[in-house]
Amino acid sequence: MLKTLIVMLLAITAGAVGDIFLTQGMRSSGDLSTMGLRQIFETVLKALTNWRLILGTAMQALSYVVVAFLAQWYLGENVTPMRWAGISLVCVGVMMITKSSVN
């Protein structure tokens, strides 16, 4: 029971922290509705190097893994290899984006 609570708290925390960092990162980007096309493009480029957006995205990707693990382990659901492959692709994509913005 304690194991389940710890894993659930980790999943909830990852999602909540991810949401907070994504919100902070997007607020620092400004209001896109008042920008021209060039400003939007520049904002998107800045967003790719914004540590809050990167961390928020990584926490959200981690929550996919935790939820799938909980669904299989705790709820006894059948998480198919196709779903695990999709989750892996999301995580690899997040790592690639993070790595490319650091270099």
C-alpha atoms as a PDB file:
ATOM      1  CA  MET A   1       0.000   0.000   0.000  1.00  0.00           C
ATOM      2  CA  LEU A   2       2.805   2.419   0.871  1.00  0.00           C
ATOM      3  CA  LYS A   3       4.507   1.665  -2.452  1.00  0.00           C
ATOM      4  CA  THR A   4       1.320   2.517  -4.310  1.00  0.00           C
ATOM      5  CA  LEU A   5       0.915   5.811  -2.464  1.00  0.00           C
ATOM      6  CA  ILE A   6       4.506   6.809  -3.160  1.00  0.00           C
ATOM      7  CA  VAL A   7       4.176   6.053  -6.881  1.00  0.00           C
ATOM      8  CA  MET A   8       0.845   7.879  -7.069  1.00  0.00           C
ATOM      9  CA  LEU A   9       2.328  10.909  -5.314  1.00  0.00           C
ATOM     10  CA  LEU A  10       5.231  10.894  -7.761  1.00  0.00           C
ATOM     11  CA  ALA A  11       2.823  10.821 -10.718  1.00  0.00           C
ATOM     12  CA  ILE A  12       0.707  13.625  -9.294  1.00  0.00           C
ATOM     13  CA  THR A  13       3.768  15.684  -8.422  1.00  0.00           C
ATOM     14  CA  ALA A  14       5.323  15.211 -11.869  1.00  0.00           C
ATOM     15  CA  GLY A  15       2.115  16.353 -13.554  1.00  0.00           C
ATOM     16  CA  ALA A  16       1.589  19.329 -11.254  1.00  0.00           C
ATOM     17  CA  VAL A  17       5.189  20.524 -11.412  1.00  0.00           C
ATOM     18  CA  GLY A  18       5.165  20.069 -15.180  1.00  0.00           C
ATOM     19  CA  ASP A  19       2.005  22.178 -15.477  1.00  0.00           C
ATOM     20  CA  ILE A  20       3.493  24.917 -13.302  1.00  0.00           C
ATOM     21  CA  PHE A  21       6.723  25.122 -15.295  1.00  0.00           C
ATOM     22  CA  LEU A  22       4.853  25.044 -18.621  1.00  0.00           C
ATOM     23  CA  THR A  23       2.592  27.866 -17.444  1.00  0.00           C
ATOM     24  CA  GLN A  24       5.519  29.968 -16.229  1.00  0.00           C
ATOM     25  CA  GLY A  25       7.416  29.370 -19.443  1.00  0.00           C
ATOM     26  CA  MET A  26       4.465  30.294 -21.628  1.00  0.00           C
ATOM     27  CA  ARG A  27       3.687  33.422 -19.614  1.00  0.00           C
ATOM     28  CA  SER A  28       7.275  34.598 -20.056  1.00  0.00           C
ATOM     29  CA  SER A  29       6.850  34.218 -23.826  1.00  0.00           C
ATOM     30  CA  GLY A  30       4.190  36.913 -24.090  1.00  0.00           C
ATOM     31  CA  ASP A  31       0.818  37.151 -25.809  1.00  0.00           C
ATOM     32  CA  LEU A  32       1.015  35.510 -29.230  1.00  0.00           C
ATOM     33  CA  SER A  33      -2.293  37.020 -30.382  1.00  0.00           C
ATOM     34  CA  THR A  34      -0.733  40.506 -30.519  1.00  0.00           C
ATOM     35  CA  MET A  35       2.425  39.405 -32.376  1.00  0.00           C
ATOM     36  CA  GLY A  36       3.244  39.424 -36.039  1.00  0.00           C
ATOM     37  CA  LEU A  37       4.501  36.334 -37.847  1.00  0.00           C
ATOM     38  CA  ARG A  38       8.164  37.242 -37.346  1.00  0.00           C
ATOM     39  CA  GLN A  39       7.696  37.845 -33.610  1.00  0.00           C
ATOM     40  CA  ILE A  40       5.872  34.519 -33.263  1.00  0.00           C
ATOM     41  CA  PHE A  41       8.741  32.735 -35.007  1.00  0.00           C
ATOM     42  CA  GLU A  42      11.289  34.426 -32.688  1.00  0.00           C
ATOM     43  CA  THR A  43       9.167  33.532 -29.660  1.00  0.00           C
ATOM     44  CA  VAL A  44       9.027  29.886 -30.727  1.00  0.00           C
ATOM     45  CA  LEU A  45      12.815  29.805 -31.072  1.00  0.00           C
ATOM     46  CA  LYS A  46      13.203  31.332 -27.600  1.00  0.00           C
ATOM     47  CA  ALA A  47      10.737  28.796 -26.191  1.00  0.00           C
ATOM     48  CA  LEU A  48      12.958  25.938 -27.369  1.00  0.00           C
ATOM     49  CA  THR A  49      15.684  27.155 -25.003  1.00  0.00           C
ATOM     50  CA  ASN A  50      13.449  28.192 -22.092  1.00  0.00           C
ATOM     51  CA  TRP A  51      14.423  25.950 -19.161  1.00  0.00           C
ATOM     52  CA  ARG A  52      10.949  26.182 -17.636  1.00  0.00           C
ATOM     53  CA  LEU A  53       9.312  24.919 -20.801  1.00  0.00           C
ATOM     54  CA  ILE A  54      11.922  22.171 -21.187  1.00  0.00           C
ATOM     55  CA  LEU A  55      11.519  21.031 -17.583  1.00  0.00           C
ATOM     56  CA  GLY A  56       7.733  21.212 -17.771  1.00  0.00           C
ATOM     57  CA  THR A  57       7.699  19.165 -20.957  1.00  0.00           C
ATOM     58  CA  ALA A  58      10.059  16.586 -19.435  1.00  0.00           C
ATOM     59  CA  MET A  59       7.854  16.269 -16.321  1.00  0.00           C
ATOM     60  CA  GLN A  60       4.783  15.806 -18.531  1.00  0.00           C
ATOM     61  CA  ALA A  61       6.562  13.082 -20.529  1.00  0.00           C
ATOM     62  CA  LEU A  62       7.544  11.381 -17.275  1.00  0.00           C
ATOM     63  CA  SER A  63       3.925  11.373 -16.181  1.00  0.00           C
ATOM     64  CA  TYR A  64       3.000   9.247 -19.249  1.00  0.00           C
ATOM     65  CA  VAL A  65       5.463   6.602 -18.071  1.00  0.00           C
ATOM     66  CA  VAL A  66       4.241   6.693 -14.472  1.00  0.00           C
ATOM     67  CA  VAL A  67       0.571   6.491 -15.476  1.00  0.00           C
ATOM     68  CA  ALA A  68       1.178   3.549 -17.826  1.00  0.00           C
ATOM     69  CA  PHE A  69       3.201   1.783 -15.148  1.00  0.00           C
ATOM     70  CA  LEU A  70       0.446   2.358 -12.581  1.00  0.00           C
ATOM     71  CA  ALA A  71      -2.231   1.191 -15.013  1.00  0.00           C
ATOM     72  CA  GLN A  72      -0.389  -2.072 -15.557  1.00  0.00           C
ATOM     73  CA  TRP A  73       0.964  -2.676 -12.061  1.00  0.00           C
ATOM     74  CA  TYR A  74      -1.805  -1.353  -9.834  1.00  0.00           C
ATOM     75  CA  LEU A  75      -4.967  -1.544 -11.938  1.00  0.00           C
ATOM     76  CA  GLY A  76      -4.019  -4.733 -13.743  1.00  0.00           C
ATOM     77  CA  GLU A  77      -4.628  -3.205 -17.179  1.00  0.00           C
ATOM     78  CA  ASN A  78      -2.948  -4.639 -20.239  1.00  0.00           C
ATOM     79  CA  VAL A  79      -0.538  -1.996 -21.492  1.00  0.00           C
ATOM     80  CA  THR A  80       0.286  -3.163 -25.000  1.00  0.00           C
ATOM     81  CA  PRO A  81       3.758  -3.082 -26.547  1.00  0.00           C
ATOM     82  CA  MET A  82       2.411  -0.500 -29.015  1.00  0.00           C
ATOM     83  CA  ARG A  83       1.497   1.818 -26.118  1.00  0.00           C
ATOM     84  CA  TRP A  84       4.927   1.334 -24.494  1.00  0.00           C
ATOM     85  CA  ALA A  85       6.532   2.093 -27.874  1.00  0.00           C
ATOM     86  CA  GLY A  86       4.493   5.298 -28.151  1.00  0.00           C
ATOM     87  CA  ILE A  87       5.451   6.352 -24.631  1.00  0.00           C
ATOM     88  CA  SER A  88       9.090   5.633 -25.435  1.00  0.00           C
ATOM     89  CA  LEU A  89       8.870   7.782 -28.561  1.00  0.00           C
ATOM     90  CA  VAL A  90       7.439  10.670 -26.536  1.00  0.00           C
ATOM     91  CA  CYS A  91      10.258  10.393 -23.993  1.00  0.00           C
ATOM     92  CA  VAL A  92      12.952  10.104 -26.680  1.00  0.00           C
ATOM     93  CA  GLY A  93      11.471  13.127 -28.442  1.00  0.00           C
ATOM     94  CA  VAL A  94      11.579  15.159 -25.237  1.00  0.00           C
ATOM     95  CA  MET A  95      15.201  14.130 -24.667  1.00  0.00           C
ATOM     96  CA  MET A  96      16.139  15.089 -28.245  1.00  0.00           C
ATOM     97  CA  ILE A  97      14.492  18.499 -27.950  1.00  0.00           C
ATOM     98  CA  THR A  98      16.142  19.097 -24.577  1.00  0.00           C
ATOM     99  CA  LYS A  99      19.554  17.990 -25.852  1.00  0.00           C
ATOM    100  CA  SER A 100      19.318  20.114 -28.993  1.00  0.00           C
ATOM    101  CA  SER A 101      18.412  23.264 -27.038  1.00  0.00           C
ATOM    102  CA  VAL A 102      21.310  22.825 -24.602  1.00  0.00           C
ATOM    103  CA  ASN A 103      23.915  22.565 -27.383  1.00  0.00           C
END
